[in-house]
Amino acid sequence: MIKLDRICEHTFFSLIDENSIVLDFGCNEGEFAHTVIERYGCKVFSAEPVPDCAQQIARHPRLTLQQVAISGASGSLDIHVYPNRCASGFNRSPGEQAIRTIRAEAMTLAEFRRRSGIGRVALLKIDIEGAELDMFAAAADEEFSDIDQITIEFHDFLYPETRPAVEAVKRRMRSLGFHMLPFSLDNTDVLFVNRRAAVSWQNRLWAGTVVKYGRGLERRLRQMIGRPAPA
């Protein structure tokens, strides 16, 4: 049985070793990137557009950081910095005012991979505060064919009007041959597994039942008592 791992509320199968390439979109201060390197010895290519966060990321020989935003087009993007949550390219919350706005370089998934010289990807982690929808919309179907796993936090819990677009992404990924494992009740921890990856149906069944519902219950209990989840 291939074990599941979870880092920073992102769940994935441990199909990673020292020869693997991991992409970390929305690196924040580097916790996910450094933890996955420590556990697996892999190479990580990260994107983080917010200077205050990027400056906090400790350098590592197996970590390559680009201070860019991943979006639906290459060019530039305004990133809004909020006092009580992560910075975002979205500005859709009524009554919520950004404390400042940053103009960041933006690029597509394809451009990031081209610039980094990246081939096959073992794991793509996405937590880019709503811009994931633009990223998926701009990416051609074939761009996902050599990605084994995608672990993503969707943001329709912050922007309910984007829920139809989130569901459209799910349908598209399933049509491309990805198995979907939702490890949360609110789309904050969703895993797509490429059918070409070495994950058996028994593994998917186990992960999609016992683990999913156990994690969901744990998350709900923690929310009720106000305790943070473990990394």
Protein backbone atom coordinates (compact mmCIF):
# COMPACT_ATOMS: atom_id res chain seq x y z
CA MET A 1 0.00 0.00 0.00
CA ILE A 2 1.42 3.37 -1.04
CA LYS A 3 1.21 5.67 1.92
CA LEU A 4 -0.36 9.09 1.87
CA ASP A 5 1.54 12.10 3.06
CA ARG A 6 0.24 15.50 4.10
CA ILE A 7 2.23 18.71 4.26
CA CYS A 8 0.66 22.08 5.05
CA GLU A 9 -2.85 20.66 4.55
CA HIS A 10 -1.96 19.25 1.11
CA THR A 11 -2.45 15.48 0.79
CA PHE A 12 -0.70 13.32 -1.81
CA PHE A 13 0.67 9.83 -2.40
CA SER A 14 4.35 9.43 -1.48
CA LEU A 15 5.48 8.66 -5.04
CA ILE A 16 8.49 10.95 -4.69
CA ASP A 17 12.22 10.29 -4.40
CA GLU A 18 15.50 12.13 -4.87
CA ASN A 19 15.07 12.07 -8.65
CA SER A 20 11.60 13.65 -8.57
CA ILE A 21 10.60 17.17 -9.58
CA VAL A 22 8.04 18.98 -7.41
CA LEU A 23 6.44 22.31 -8.31
CA ASP A 24 5.29 24.53 -5.45
CA PHE A 25 3.00 27.30 -6.69
CA GLY A 26 2.25 29.67 -3.83
CA CYS A 27 5.37 28.91 -1.84
CA ASN A 28 4.53 31.47 0.86
CA GLU A 29 7.45 31.30 3.33
CA GLY A 30 8.71 27.92 2.12
CA GLU A 31 7.33 25.47 4.67
CA PHE A 32 5.92 23.03 2.09
CA ALA A 33 9.01 23.23 -0.12
CA HIS A 34 11.50 22.62 2.67
CA THR A 35 9.45 19.84 4.25
CA VAL A 36 9.07 17.89 1.01
CA ILE A 37 12.82 18.25 0.33
CA GLU A 38 13.63 17.04 3.84
CA ARG A 39 11.35 14.00 3.54
CA TYR A 40 12.14 12.93 -0.02
CA GLY A 41 15.33 14.65 -1.18
CA CYS A 42 13.56 15.86 -4.34
CA LYS A 43 14.12 19.01 -6.36
CA VAL A 44 11.54 21.77 -5.86
CA PHE A 45 10.79 24.65 -8.20
CA SER A 46 8.75 27.31 -6.39
CA ALA A 47 6.80 30.42 -7.34
CA GLU A 48 6.06 33.14 -4.78
CA PRO A 49 5.24 36.70 -5.90
CA VAL A 50 4.99 38.53 -2.56
CA PRO A 51 8.39 40.00 -1.62
CA ASP A 52 7.79 39.81 2.14
CA CYS A 53 7.16 36.06 1.83
CA ALA A 54 9.89 35.35 -0.72
CA GLN A 55 12.49 37.00 1.50
CA GLN A 56 11.60 34.60 4.33
CA ILE A 57 12.25 31.47 2.24
CA ALA A 58 15.51 29.87 3.33
CA ARG A 59 17.74 29.04 0.39
CA HIS A 60 18.51 25.38 -0.30
CA PRO A 61 20.56 23.74 -3.08
CA ARG A 62 17.55 21.66 -4.13
CA LEU A 63 15.13 24.60 -4.11
CA THR A 64 14.79 26.99 -7.05
CA LEU A 65 12.64 30.03 -6.33
CA GLN A 66 11.15 32.41 -8.87
CA GLN A 67 9.50 35.55 -7.48
CA VAL A 68 6.54 35.35 -9.86
CA ALA A 69 2.78 34.85 -9.77
CA ILE A 70 1.26 31.91 -11.63
CA SER A 71 -1.78 33.01 -13.58
CA GLY A 72 -3.56 32.78 -16.90
CA ALA A 73 -1.17 34.97 -18.88
CA SER A 74 2.46 35.97 -18.84
CA GLY A 75 3.06 39.64 -18.09
CA SER A 76 2.20 41.42 -14.85
CA LEU A 77 -0.45 41.05 -12.16
CA ASP A 78 -1.62 43.17 -9.23
CA ILE A 79 -1.37 41.26 -5.95
CA HIS A 80 -3.52 42.63 -3.12
CA VAL A 81 -2.09 42.27 0.39
CA TYR A 82 -4.69 41.89 3.14
CA PRO A 83 -4.20 42.31 6.90
CA ASN A 84 -5.72 38.99 7.99
CA ARG A 85 -5.20 36.52 5.14
CA CYS A 86 -2.90 35.62 2.30
CA ALA A 87 -2.24 38.02 -0.53
CA SER A 88 -4.35 37.45 -3.63
CA GLY A 89 -4.82 38.60 -7.19
CA PHE A 90 -8.55 38.66 -6.44
CA ASN A 91 -10.25 41.68 -4.87
CA ARG A 92 -13.77 40.38 -4.49
CA SER A 93 -14.61 40.39 -0.79
CA PRO A 94 -17.15 43.15 -0.02
CA GLY A 95 -15.94 45.48 2.67
CA GLU A 96 -12.43 44.01 2.79
CA GLN A 97 -9.70 46.49 1.98
CA ALA A 98 -6.19 45.58 0.90
CA ILE A 99 -3.47 47.34 2.87
CA ARG A 100 -1.29 47.57 -0.25
CA THR A 101 -1.05 46.33 -3.81
CA ILE A 102 2.05 44.83 -5.42
CA ARG A 103 2.71 44.67 -9.15
CA ALA A 104 4.26 41.23 -9.73
CA GLU A 105 5.59 39.40 -12.75
CA ALA A 106 3.09 36.76 -13.85
CA MET A 107 3.46 33.69 -16.00
CA THR A 108 1.53 30.65 -17.12
CA LEU A 109 2.20 27.06 -16.12
CA ALA A 110 3.76 26.42 -19.53
CA GLU A 111 6.05 29.46 -19.32
CA PHE A 112 7.18 28.55 -15.80
CA ARG A 113 8.09 25.04 -16.93
CA ARG A 114 9.81 26.31 -20.07
CA ARG A 115 11.86 28.88 -18.19
CA SER A 116 12.84 26.32 -15.55
CA GLY A 117 13.67 23.56 -18.04
CA ILE A 118 11.26 21.17 -16.34
CA GLY A 119 10.19 17.85 -17.82
CA ARG A 120 8.12 15.27 -15.97
CA VAL A 121 6.58 16.48 -12.70
CA ALA A 122 5.98 14.09 -9.80
CA LEU A 123 3.84 16.54 -7.83
CA LEU A 124 2.34 19.95 -8.51
CA LYS A 125 1.17 21.76 -5.38
CA ILE A 126 -1.11 24.74 -5.99
CA ASP A 127 -2.17 27.33 -3.40
CA ILE A 128 -2.34 30.60 -5.30
CA GLU A 129 -5.32 32.31 -3.70
CA GLY A 130 -7.85 32.08 -6.51
CA ALA A 131 -5.53 32.40 -9.51
CA GLU A 132 -5.66 28.62 -9.97
CA LEU A 133 -8.77 29.04 -12.13
CA ASP A 134 -6.95 31.33 -14.56
CA MET A 135 -3.98 28.95 -14.59
CA PHE A 136 -6.16 25.97 -15.52
CA ALA A 137 -8.10 27.97 -18.11
CA ALA A 138 -4.91 28.99 -19.91
CA ALA A 139 -3.25 25.55 -19.82
CA ALA A 140 -3.67 23.19 -22.77
CA ASP A 141 -4.78 19.64 -22.00
CA GLU A 142 -1.40 18.16 -22.95
CA GLU A 143 0.35 20.25 -20.30
CA PHE A 144 -1.04 17.93 -17.62
CA SER A 145 -0.14 14.63 -19.29
CA ASP A 146 3.30 14.36 -17.65
CA ILE A 147 2.22 15.50 -14.18
CA ASP A 148 1.68 12.54 -11.85
CA GLN A 149 -0.21 14.30 -9.04
CA ILE A 150 -1.76 17.71 -8.43
CA THR A 151 -2.62 18.74 -4.88
CA ILE A 152 -4.62 21.94 -4.79
CA GLU A 153 -6.45 24.31 -2.51
CA PHE A 154 -9.36 25.84 -4.39
CA HIS A 155 -10.70 29.14 -3.05
CA ASP A 156 -14.43 29.00 -3.65
CA PHE A 157 -14.81 29.05 0.14
CA LEU A 158 -13.62 32.68 -0.10
CA TYR A 159 -15.21 33.44 -3.48
CA PRO A 160 -18.48 31.43 -3.75
CA GLU A 161 -19.19 32.88 -7.18
CA THR A 162 -16.24 30.86 -8.53
CA ARG A 163 -17.76 27.49 -7.52
CA PRO A 164 -19.08 26.68 -11.02
CA ALA A 165 -15.59 27.27 -12.43
CA VAL A 166 -14.07 25.03 -9.74
CA GLU A 167 -16.49 22.24 -10.62
CA ALA A 168 -15.62 22.72 -14.30
CA VAL A 169 -11.93 22.20 -13.49
CA LYS A 170 -12.78 18.99 -11.66
CA ARG A 171 -14.77 17.69 -14.62
CA ARG A 172 -12.00 18.60 -17.01
CA MET A 173 -9.31 16.83 -15.01
CA ARG A 174 -11.42 13.68 -14.77
CA SER A 175 -11.96 13.81 -18.54
CA LEU A 176 -8.17 13.95 -18.97
CA GLY A 177 -7.78 10.71 -17.05
CA PHE A 178 -7.09 12.02 -13.56
CA HIS A 179 -8.69 10.38 -10.55
CA MET A 180 -9.99 12.95 -8.07
CA LEU A 181 -9.71 12.47 -4.31
CA PRO A 182 -11.32 15.26 -2.26
CA PHE A 183 -9.79 15.21 1.22
CA SER A 184 -11.86 18.12 2.49
CA LEU A 185 -15.49 19.17 2.51
CA ASP A 186 -14.78 22.65 1.14
CA ASN A 187 -12.32 22.03 -1.75
CA THR A 188 -9.33 23.16 0.31
CA ASP A 189 -7.51 19.82 -0.07
CA VAL A 190 -8.17 18.12 -3.42
CA LEU A 191 -5.84 15.61 -5.06
CA PHE A 192 -5.80 14.72 -8.76
CA VAL A 193 -3.88 11.53 -9.60
CA ASN A 194 -2.84 10.82 -13.18
CA ARG A 195 -4.00 7.38 -14.31
CA ARG A 196 -0.44 6.84 -15.58
CA ALA A 197 0.92 7.16 -12.04
CA ALA A 198 1.61 3.95 -10.15
CA VAL A 199 -1.41 4.18 -7.85
CA SER A 200 -3.67 1.11 -7.82
CA TRP A 201 -7.43 1.23 -7.53
CA GLN A 202 -7.07 -0.35 -4.08
CA ASN A 203 -4.93 2.59 -2.98
CA ARG A 204 -7.42 5.07 -4.37
CA LEU A 205 -10.34 3.29 -2.74
CA TRP A 206 -8.60 3.24 0.63
CA ALA A 207 -7.59 6.89 0.35
CA GLY A 208 -10.99 7.97 -0.90
CA THR A 209 -12.95 6.40 1.94
CA VAL A 210 -11.23 5.76 5.26
CA VAL A 211 -8.64 8.52 5.02
CA LYS A 212 -10.89 11.15 3.44
CA TYR A 213 -13.66 10.85 6.00
CA GLY A 214 -11.23 10.52 8.89
CA ARG A 215 -9.42 13.69 7.80
CA GLY A 216 -12.68 15.52 7.24
CA LEU A 217 -13.88 14.69 10.75
CA GLU A 218 -10.53 15.70 12.23
CA ARG A 219 -10.61 19.02 10.38
CA ARG A 220 -14.16 19.78 11.54
CA LEU A 221 -13.30 19.00 15.16
CA ARG A 222 -10.25 21.24 15.03
CA GLN A 223 -12.31 24.07 13.57
CA MET A 224 -14.86 23.66 16.36
CA ILE A 225 -12.27 23.84 19.13
CA GLY A 226 -10.07 26.38 17.40
CA ARG A 227 -6.90 24.29 17.19
CA PRO A 228 -4.57 24.47 14.17
CA ALA A 229 -4.01 21.40 12.02
CA PRO A 230 -0.59 19.73 12.03
CA ALA A 231 1.80 20.26 9.10
